[in-house]
All heavy atoms as atom14 arrays in JSON, in Angstrom:
{
  "sequence": "AAAMNDGWFRTGDVGLVDGDGFLRIVDRIKDVINRNGEKIA",
  "atom14_mask": [
    [1, 1, 1, 1, 1, 0, 0, 0, 0, 0, 0, 0, 0, 0],
    [1, 1, 1, 1, 1, 0, 0, 0, 0, 0, 0, 0, 0, 0],
    [1, 1, 1, 1, 1, 0, 0, 0, 0, 0, 0, 0, 0, 0],
    [1, 1, 1, 1, 1, 1, 1, 1, 0, 0, 0, 0, 0, 0],
    [1, 1, 1, 1, 1, 1, 1, 1, 0, 0, 0, 0, 0, 0],
    [1, 1, 1, 1, 1, 1, 1, 1, 0, 0, 0, 0, 0, 0],
    [1, 1, 1, 1, 0, 0, 0, 0, 0, 0, 0, 0, 0, 0],
    [1, 1, 1, 1, 1, 1, 1, 1, 1, 1, 1, 1, 1, 1],
    [1, 1, 1, 1, 1, 1, 1, 1, 1, 1, 1, 0, 0, 0],
    [1, 1, 1, 1, 1, 1, 1, 1, 1, 1, 1, 0, 0, 0],
    [1, 1, 1, 1, 1, 1, 1, 0, 0, 0, 0, 0, 0, 0],
    [1, 1, 1, 1, 0, 0, 0, 0, 0, 0, 0, 0, 0, 0],
    [1, 1, 1, 1, 1, 1, 1, 1, 0, 0, 0, 0, 0, 0],
    [1, 1, 1, 1, 1, 1, 1, 0, 0, 0, 0, 0, 0, 0],
    [1, 1, 1, 1, 0, 0, 0, 0, 0, 0, 0, 0, 0, 0],
    [1, 1, 1, 1, 1, 1, 1, 1, 0, 0, 0, 0, 0, 0],
    [1, 1, 1, 1, 1, 1, 1, 0, 0, 0, 0, 0, 0, 0],
    [1, 1, 1, 1, 1, 1, 1, 1, 0, 0, 0, 0, 0, 0],
    [1, 1, 1, 1, 0, 0, 0, 0, 0, 0, 0, 0, 0, 0],
    [1, 1, 1, 1, 1, 1, 1, 1, 0, 0, 0, 0, 0, 0],
    [1, 1, 1, 1, 0, 0, 0, 0, 0, 0, 0, 0, 0, 0],
    [1, 1, 1, 1, 1, 1, 1, 1, 1, 1, 1, 0, 0, 0],
    [1, 1, 1, 1, 1, 1, 1, 1, 0, 0, 0, 0, 0, 0],
    [1, 1, 1, 1, 1, 1, 1, 1, 1, 1, 1, 0, 0, 0],
    [1, 1, 1, 1, 1, 1, 1, 1, 0, 0, 0, 0, 0, 0],
    [1, 1, 1, 1, 1, 1, 1, 0, 0, 0, 0, 0, 0, 0],
    [1, 1, 1, 1, 1, 1, 1, 1, 0, 0, 0, 0, 0, 0],
    [1, 1, 1, 1, 1, 1, 1, 1, 1, 1, 1, 0, 0, 0],
    [1, 1, 1, 1, 1, 1, 1, 1, 0, 0, 0, 0, 0, 0],
    [1, 1, 1, 1, 1, 1, 1, 1, 1, 0, 0, 0, 0, 0],
    [1, 1, 1, 1, 1, 1, 1, 1, 0, 0, 0, 0, 0, 0],
    [1, 1, 1, 1, 1, 1, 1, 0, 0, 0, 0, 0, 0, 0],
    [1, 1, 1, 1, 1, 1, 1, 1, 0, 0, 0, 0, 0, 0],
    [1, 1, 1, 1, 1, 1, 1, 1, 0, 0, 0, 0, 0, 0],
    [1, 1, 1, 1, 1, 1, 1, 1, 1, 1, 1, 0, 0, 0],
    [1, 1, 1, 1, 1, 1, 1, 1, 0, 0, 0, 0, 0, 0],
    [1, 1, 1, 1, 0, 0, 0, 0, 0, 0, 0, 0, 0, 0],
    [1, 1, 1, 1, 1, 1, 1, 1, 1, 0, 0, 0, 0, 0],
    [1, 1, 1, 1, 1, 1, 1, 1, 1, 0, 0, 0, 0, 0],
    [1, 1, 1, 1, 1, 1, 1, 1, 0, 0, 0, 0, 0, 0],
    [1, 1, 1, 1, 1, 0, 0, 0, 0, 0, 0, 0, 0, 0]
  ],
  "atom14_positions": [
    [[-5.55, 15.73, 7.1], [-5.33, 14.83, 8.24], [-5.41, 13.37, 7.81], [-4.68, 12.52, 8.32], [-6.36, 15.12, 9.34], [0.0, 0.0, 0.0], [0.0, 0.0, 0.0], [0.0, 0.0, 0.0], [0.0, 0.0, 0.0], [0.0, 0.0, 0.0], [0.0, 0.0, 0.0], [0.0, 0.0, 0.0], [0.0, 0.0, 0.0], [0.0, 0.0, 0.0]],
    [[-6.28, 13.06, 6.84], [-6.42, 11.69, 6.37], [-5.23, 11.25, 5.51], [-4.87, 10.08, 5.51], [-7.72, 11.53, 5.57], [0.0, 0.0, 0.0], [0.0, 0.0, 0.0], [0.0, 0.0, 0.0], [0.0, 0.0, 0.0], [0.0, 0.0, 0.0], [0.0, 0.0, 0.0], [0.0, 0.0, 0.0], [0.0, 0.0, 0.0], [0.0, 0.0, 0.0]],
    [[-4.63, 12.2, 4.8], [-3.55, 11.85, 3.86], [-2.15, 12.02, 4.43], [-1.22, 11.39, 3.95], [-3.68, 12.7, 2.6], [0.0, 0.0, 0.0], [0.0, 0.0, 0.0], [0.0, 0.0, 0.0], [0.0, 0.0, 0.0], [0.0, 0.0, 0.0], [0.0, 0.0, 0.0], [0.0, 0.0, 0.0], [0.0, 0.0, 0.0], [0.0, 0.0, 0.0]],
    [[-1.98, 12.87, 5.44], [-0.65, 13.2, 5.93], [-0.46, 12.68, 7.36], [-1.38, 12.66, 8.16], [-0.43, 14.71, 5.92], [-0.64, 15.38, 4.57], [0.48, 14.81, 3.28], [2.05, 15.41, 3.9], [0.0, 0.0, 0.0], [0.0, 0.0, 0.0], [0.0, 0.0, 0.0], [0.0, 0.0, 0.0], [0.0, 0.0, 0.0], [0.0, 0.0, 0.0]],
    [[0.79, 12.27, 7.67], [1.12, 11.8, 9.0], [2.55, 12.2, 9.3], [3.49, 11.59, 8.78], [0.94, 10.28, 9.07], [1.13, 9.72, 10.46], [2.0, 10.15, 11.2], [0.3, 8.76, 10.81], [0.0, 0.0, 0.0], [0.0, 0.0, 0.0], [0.0, 0.0, 0.0], [0.0, 0.0, 0.0], [0.0, 0.0, 0.0], [0.0, 0.0, 0.0]],
    [[2.74, 13.27, 10.08], [4.07, 13.73, 10.47], [4.97, 13.97, 9.26], [6.12, 13.56, 9.24], [4.71, 12.72, 11.44], [5.96, 13.3, 12.12], [6.03, 14.52, 12.31], [6.86, 12.5, 12.45], [0.0, 0.0, 0.0], [0.0, 0.0, 0.0], [0.0, 0.0, 0.0], [0.0, 0.0, 0.0], [0.0, 0.0, 0.0], [0.0, 0.0, 0.0]],
    [[4.41, 14.61, 8.23], [5.17, 14.9, 7.02], [5.16, 13.8, 5.99], [5.62, 13.99, 4.86], [0.0, 0.0, 0.0], [0.0, 0.0, 0.0], [0.0, 0.0, 0.0], [0.0, 0.0, 0.0], [0.0, 0.0, 0.0], [0.0, 0.0, 0.0], [0.0, 0.0, 0.0], [0.0, 0.0, 0.0], [0.0, 0.0, 0.0], [0.0, 0.0, 0.0]],
    [[4.66, 12.64, 6.35], [4.55, 11.52, 5.41], [3.23, 11.61, 4.66], [2.18, 11.83, 5.26], [4.59, 10.18, 6.15], [5.91, 9.81, 6.72], [6.33, 10.01, 8.0], [6.98, 9.16, 6.04], [7.61, 9.53, 8.17], [8.03, 8.99, 6.98], [7.17, 8.68, 4.74], [9.23, 8.38, 6.64], [8.36, 8.07, 4.41], [9.38, 7.92, 5.35]],
    [[3.27, 11.41, 3.34], [2.07, 11.36, 2.52], [1.69, 9.9, 2.3], [2.47, 9.11, 1.8], [2.31, 12.03, 1.16], [1.17, 11.89, 0.2], [-0.08, 12.41, 0.51], [1.34, 11.23, -1.01], [-1.14, 12.28, -0.38], [0.29, 11.1, -1.9], [-0.96, 11.62, -1.59], [0.0, 0.0, 0.0], [0.0, 0.0, 0.0], [0.0, 0.0, 0.0]],
    [[0.48, 9.56, 2.72], [-0.03, 8.2, 2.54], [-0.63, 8.11, 1.13], [-1.68, 8.67, 0.88], [-1.09, 7.91, 3.59], [-0.57, 8.06, 5.01], [-1.64, 7.84, 6.02], [-2.17, 6.48, 5.84], [-2.96, 5.88, 6.72], [-3.32, 6.51, 7.81], [-3.38, 4.67, 6.51], [0.0, 0.0, 0.0], [0.0, 0.0, 0.0], [0.0, 0.0, 0.0]],
    [[0.05, 7.4, 0.24], [-0.34, 7.43, -1.18], [-1.62, 6.67, -1.49], [-2.26, 6.95, -2.51], [0.78, 6.83, -2.05], [0.91, 5.43, -1.76], [2.11, 7.55, -1.83], [0.0, 0.0, 0.0], [0.0, 0.0, 0.0], [0.0, 0.0, 0.0], [0.0, 0.0, 0.0], [0.0, 0.0, 0.0], [0.0, 0.0, 0.0], [0.0, 0.0, 0.0]],
    [[-1.96, 5.67, -0.67], [-3.11, 4.82, -1.01], [-2.73, 3.69, -1.94], [-3.56, 2.87, -2.3], [0.0, 0.0, 0.0], [0.0, 0.0, 0.0], [0.0, 0.0, 0.0], [0.0, 0.0, 0.0], [0.0, 0.0, 0.0], [0.0, 0.0, 0.0], [0.0, 0.0, 0.0], [0.0, 0.0, 0.0], [0.0, 0.0, 0.0], [0.0, 0.0, 0.0]],
    [[-1.45, 3.65, -2.34], [-0.96, 2.56, -3.18], [-0.35, 1.48, -2.3], [0.3, 1.77, -1.3], [0.12, 3.05, -4.15], [-0.43, 3.97, -5.22], [-1.49, 3.65, -5.78], [0.2, 5.01, -5.5], [0.0, 0.0, 0.0], [0.0, 0.0, 0.0], [0.0, 0.0, 0.0], [0.0, 0.0, 0.0], [0.0, 0.0, 0.0], [0.0, 0.0, 0.0]],
    [[-0.54, 0.23, -2.71], [0.09, -0.9, -2.03], [1.31, -1.29, -2.86], [1.23, -1.41, -4.08], [-0.88, -2.1, -1.93], [-0.19, -3.29, -1.28], [-2.12, -1.7, -1.16], [0.0, 0.0, 0.0], [0.0, 0.0, 0.0], [0.0, 0.0, 0.0], [0.0, 0.0, 0.0], [0.0, 0.0, 0.0], [0.0, 0.0, 0.0], [0.0, 0.0, 0.0]],
    [[2.45, -1.46, -2.18], [3.66, -1.83, -2.91], [4.68, -2.47, -2.0], [4.44, -2.68, -0.82], [0.0, 0.0, 0.0], [0.0, 0.0, 0.0], [0.0, 0.0, 0.0], [0.0, 0.0, 0.0], [0.0, 0.0, 0.0], [0.0, 0.0, 0.0], [0.0, 0.0, 0.0], [0.0, 0.0, 0.0], [0.0, 0.0, 0.0], [0.0, 0.0, 0.0]],
    [[5.84, -2.75, -2.58], [6.94, -3.31, -1.82], [8.25, -2.87, -2.45], [8.29, -2.5, -3.62], [6.86, -4.84, -1.74], [6.86, -5.63, -3.06], [8.27, -5.96, -3.51], [6.09, -6.93, -2.86], [0.0, 0.0, 0.0], [0.0, 0.0, 0.0], [0.0, 0.0, 0.0], [0.0, 0.0, 0.0], [0.0, 0.0, 0.0], [0.0, 0.0, 0.0]],
    [[9.31, -2.89, -1.66], [10.65, -2.62, -2.15], [11.42, -3.93, -2.04], [11.49, -4.54, -0.98], [11.34, -1.51, -1.33], [12.77, -1.3, -1.81], [10.56, -0.2, -1.44], [0.0, 0.0, 0.0], [0.0, 0.0, 0.0], [0.0, 0.0, 0.0], [0.0, 0.0, 0.0], [0.0, 0.0, 0.0], [0.0, 0.0, 0.0], [0.0, 0.0, 0.0]],
    [[12.0, -4.36, -3.18], [12.71, -5.63, -3.17], [14.14, -5.46, -2.66], [14.57, -4.35, -2.33], [12.66, -6.31, -4.54], [13.42, -5.56, -5.63], [14.31, -4.74, -5.3], [13.14, -5.81, -6.81], [0.0, 0.0, 0.0], [0.0, 0.0, 0.0], [0.0, 0.0, 0.0], [0.0, 0.0, 0.0], [0.0, 0.0, 0.0], [0.0, 0.0, 0.0]],
    [[14.88, -6.55, -2.62], [16.24, -6.54, -2.09], [17.21, -5.68, -2.88], [18.26, -5.3, -2.36], [0.0, 0.0, 0.0], [0.0, 0.0, 0.0], [0.0, 0.0, 0.0], [0.0, 0.0, 0.0], [0.0, 0.0, 0.0], [0.0, 0.0, 0.0], [0.0, 0.0, 0.0], [0.0, 0.0, 0.0], [0.0, 0.0, 0.0], [0.0, 0.0, 0.0]],
    [[16.86, -5.35, -4.12], [17.72, -4.49, -4.95], [17.31, -3.02, -4.89], [17.89, -2.19, -5.59], [17.68, -4.97, -6.4], [18.26, -6.37, -6.56], [19.25, -6.69, -5.87], [17.71, -7.15, -7.37], [0.0, 0.0, 0.0], [0.0, 0.0, 0.0], [0.0, 0.0, 0.0], [0.0, 0.0, 0.0], [0.0, 0.0, 0.0], [0.0, 0.0, 0.0]],
    [[16.29, -2.72, -4.08], [15.86, -1.33, -3.94], [14.85, -0.86, -4.97], [14.59, 0.33, -5.08], [0.0, 0.0, 0.0], [0.0, 0.0, 0.0], [0.0, 0.0, 0.0], [0.0, 0.0, 0.0], [0.0, 0.0, 0.0], [0.0, 0.0, 0.0], [0.0, 0.0, 0.0], [0.0, 0.0, 0.0], [0.0, 0.0, 0.0], [0.0, 0.0, 0.0]],
    [[14.26, -1.79, -5.71], [13.24, -1.42, -6.7], [11.87, -1.39, -6.04], [11.5, -2.32, -5.31], [13.22, -2.42, -7.85], [14.34, -2.27, -8.82], [15.54, -2.93, -8.6], [14.21, -1.47, -9.94], [16.58, -2.81, -9.49], [15.25, -1.34, -10.84], [16.45, -2.01, -10.62], [0.0, 0.0, 0.0], [0.0, 0.0, 0.0], [0.0, 0.0, 0.0]],
    [[11.11, -0.35, -6.33], [9.74, -0.23, -5.83], [8.79, -0.86, -6.84], [8.86, -0.58, -8.03], [9.38, 1.24, -5.64], [7.92, 1.55, -5.27], [7.59, 0.99, -3.9], [7.66, 3.04, -5.32], [0.0, 0.0, 0.0], [0.0, 0.0, 0.0], [0.0, 0.0, 0.0], [0.0, 0.0, 0.0], [0.0, 0.0, 0.0], [0.0, 0.0, 0.0]],
    [[7.91, -1.71, -6.34], [6.9, -2.33, -7.19], [5.53, -1.99, -6.64], [5.27, -2.19, -5.46], [7.08, -3.85, -7.25], [6.11, -4.52, -8.22], [6.55, -5.9, -8.64], [6.71, -6.82, -7.55], [5.75, -7.65, -7.12], [4.56, -7.64, -7.68], [5.98, -8.46, -6.13], [0.0, 0.0, 0.0], [0.0, 0.0, 0.0], [0.0, 0.0, 0.0]],
    [[4.67, -1.46, -7.49], [3.3, -1.15, -7.1], [2.49, -2.42, -7.28], [2.46, -3.02, -8.36], [2.7, -0.03, -7.97], [3.62, 1.19, -8.02], [1.29, 0.33, -7.49], [3.81, 1.9, -6.73], [0.0, 0.0, 0.0], [0.0, 0.0, 0.0], [0.0, 0.0, 0.0], [0.0, 0.0, 0.0], [0.0, 0.0, 0.0], [0.0, 0.0, 0.0]],
    [[1.78, -2.83, -6.23], [0.99, -4.06, -6.27], [-0.47, -3.76, -6.55], [-1.12, -4.44, -7.33], [1.13, -4.83, -4.93], [0.24, -6.05, -4.91], [2.58, -5.21, -4.69], [0.0, 0.0, 0.0], [0.0, 0.0, 0.0], [0.0, 0.0, 0.0], [0.0, 0.0, 0.0], [0.0, 0.0, 0.0], [0.0, 0.0, 0.0], [0.0, 0.0, 0.0]],
    [[-0.99, -2.71, -5.93], [-2.43, -2.45, -6.04], [-2.75, -1.1, -5.41], [-1.87, -0.42, -4.89], [-3.21, -3.55, -5.32], [-4.54, -3.88, -6.01], [-5.1, -3.01, -6.69], [-5.01, -5.02, -5.86], [0.0, 0.0, 0.0], [0.0, 0.0, 0.0], [0.0, 0.0, 0.0], [0.0, 0.0, 0.0], [0.0, 0.0, 0.0], [0.0, 0.0, 0.0]],
    [[-4.02, -0.75, -5.45], [-4.54, 0.38, -4.68], [-5.2, -0.2, -3.44], [-5.77, -1.29, -3.49], [-5.6, 1.15, -5.48], [-5.09, 1.97, -6.61], [-4.39, 3.22, -6.17], [-5.27, 4.13, -5.46], [-4.84, 5.14, -4.7], [-3.55, 5.34, -4.52], [-5.67, 5.94, -4.08], [0.0, 0.0, 0.0], [0.0, 0.0, 0.0], [0.0, 0.0, 0.0]],
    [[-5.13, 0.52, -2.33], [-5.74, 0.01, -1.09], [-7.21, -0.29, -1.3], [-7.72, -1.3, -0.82], [-5.52, 1.0, 0.07], [-4.08, 0.89, 0.54], [-6.49, 0.74, 1.21], [-3.7, 1.81, 1.65], [0.0, 0.0, 0.0], [0.0, 0.0, 0.0], [0.0, 0.0, 0.0], [0.0, 0.0, 0.0], [0.0, 0.0, 0.0], [0.0, 0.0, 0.0]],
    [[-7.9, 0.56, -2.05], [-9.32, 0.32, -2.25], [-9.58, -0.91, -3.12], [-10.69, -1.39, -3.19], [-10.01, 1.56, -2.84], [-9.54, 1.94, -4.22], [-10.23, 3.2, -4.68], [-9.73, 3.62, -6.04], [-10.36, 4.85, -6.5], [0.0, 0.0, 0.0], [0.0, 0.0, 0.0], [0.0, 0.0, 0.0], [0.0, 0.0, 0.0], [0.0, 0.0, 0.0]],
    [[-8.54, -1.43, -3.8], [-8.69, -2.65, -4.6], [-8.17, -3.88, -3.88], [-7.95, -4.92, -4.49], [-7.95, -2.49, -5.94], [-8.69, -1.56, -6.9], [-9.91, -1.41, -6.74], [-8.05, -1.0, -7.78], [0.0, 0.0, 0.0], [0.0, 0.0, 0.0], [0.0, 0.0, 0.0], [0.0, 0.0, 0.0], [0.0, 0.0, 0.0], [0.0, 0.0, 0.0]],
    [[-7.97, -3.76, -2.58], [-7.56, -4.91, -1.78], [-8.81, -5.56, -1.2], [-9.67, -4.89, -0.63], [-6.58, -4.49, -0.65], [-6.31, -5.66, 0.28], [-5.28, -3.98, -1.25], [0.0, 0.0, 0.0], [0.0, 0.0, 0.0], [0.0, 0.0, 0.0], [0.0, 0.0, 0.0], [0.0, 0.0, 0.0], [0.0, 0.0, 0.0], [0.0, 0.0, 0.0]],
    [[-8.92, -6.86, -1.39], [-10.08, -7.62, -0.94], [-9.78, -8.22, 0.42], [-8.7, -8.77, 0.64], [-10.4, -8.73, -1.97], [-10.67, -8.1, -3.35], [-11.59, -9.58, -1.5], [-10.59, -9.07, -4.49], [0.0, 0.0, 0.0], [0.0, 0.0, 0.0], [0.0, 0.0, 0.0], [0.0, 0.0, 0.0], [0.0, 0.0, 0.0], [0.0, 0.0, 0.0]],
    [[-10.72, -8.08, 1.35], [-10.55, -8.61, 2.71], [-11.45, -9.83, 2.86], [-12.65, -9.71, 3.07], [-10.91, -7.53, 3.73], [-10.63, -7.97, 5.15], [-10.37, -9.13, 5.42], [-10.69, -7.03, 6.06], [0.0, 0.0, 0.0], [0.0, 0.0, 0.0], [0.0, 0.0, 0.0], [0.0, 0.0, 0.0], [0.0, 0.0, 0.0], [0.0, 0.0, 0.0]],
    [[-10.86, -11.0, 2.76], [-11.62, -12.25, 2.85], [-11.22, -12.98, 4.12], [-10.09, -13.42, 4.27], [-11.31, -13.11, 1.62], [-12.13, -14.37, 1.52], [-11.8, -15.09, 0.22], [-12.69, -16.21, -0.01], [-12.56, -17.04, -1.02], [-11.6, -16.88, -1.9], [-13.39, -18.04, -1.15], [0.0, 0.0, 0.0], [0.0, 0.0, 0.0], [0.0, 0.0, 0.0]],
    [[-12.14, -13.07, 5.06], [-11.87, -13.71, 6.36], [-10.64, -13.12, 7.05], [-9.88, -13.83, 7.69], [-11.68, -15.22, 6.19], [-12.99, -15.96, 6.05], [-14.01, -15.54, 6.58], [-12.98, -17.05, 5.31], [0.0, 0.0, 0.0], [0.0, 0.0, 0.0], [0.0, 0.0, 0.0], [0.0, 0.0, 0.0], [0.0, 0.0, 0.0], [0.0, 0.0, 0.0]],
    [[-10.44, -11.81, 6.89], [-9.3, -11.16, 7.51], [-8.01, -11.27, 6.72], [-7.02, -10.62, 7.05], [0.0, 0.0, 0.0], [0.0, 0.0, 0.0], [0.0, 0.0, 0.0], [0.0, 0.0, 0.0], [0.0, 0.0, 0.0], [0.0, 0.0, 0.0], [0.0, 0.0, 0.0], [0.0, 0.0, 0.0], [0.0, 0.0, 0.0], [0.0, 0.0, 0.0]],
    [[-8.0, -12.05, 5.65], [-6.83, -12.16, 4.77], [-6.93, -11.08, 3.7], [-7.97, -10.91, 3.08], [-6.78, -13.54, 4.1], [-6.65, -14.69, 5.07], [-5.23, -14.89, 5.56], [-4.33, -14.11, 5.19], [-5.02, -15.83, 6.35], [0.0, 0.0, 0.0], [0.0, 0.0, 0.0], [0.0, 0.0, 0.0], [0.0, 0.0, 0.0], [0.0, 0.0, 0.0]],
    [[-5.83, -10.37, 3.47], [-5.8, -9.31, 2.46], [-5.36, -9.89, 1.13], [-4.33, -10.56, 1.04], [-4.85, -8.19, 2.88], [-5.18, -7.59, 4.25], [-6.47, -6.82, 4.23], [-6.69, -6.02, 5.48], [-7.59, -6.59, 6.42], [0.0, 0.0, 0.0], [0.0, 0.0, 0.0], [0.0, 0.0, 0.0], [0.0, 0.0, 0.0], [0.0, 0.0, 0.0]],
    [[-6.14, -9.61, 0.09], [-5.86, -10.14, -1.24], [-5.75, -8.97, -2.21], [-6.7, -8.19, -2.36], [-7.0, -11.08, -1.7], [-7.22, -12.19, -0.67], [-6.73, -11.63, -3.09], [-8.54, -12.92, -0.83], [0.0, 0.0, 0.0], [0.0, 0.0, 0.0], [0.0, 0.0, 0.0], [0.0, 0.0, 0.0], [0.0, 0.0, 0.0], [0.0, 0.0, 0.0]],
    [[-4.62, -8.84, -2.88], [-4.44, -7.8, -3.89], [-5.13, -8.26, -5.17], [-4.77, -9.3, -5.73], [-2.97, -7.54, -4.14], [0.0, 0.0, 0.0], [0.0, 0.0, 0.0], [0.0, 0.0, 0.0], [0.0, 0.0, 0.0], [0.0, 0.0, 0.0], [0.0, 0.0, 0.0], [0.0, 0.0, 0.0], [0.0, 0.0, 0.0], [0.0, 0.0, 0.0]]
  ]
}
């Protein structure tokens, strides 16, 4: 239940897809720092 949502697997990785369709891994969610509500990878 913690990892799956309607067939989607929540990887725990933070990333983005750029304009060319490339996936870039930025960080792990547990390695994201929350400073005054701002998220810092």
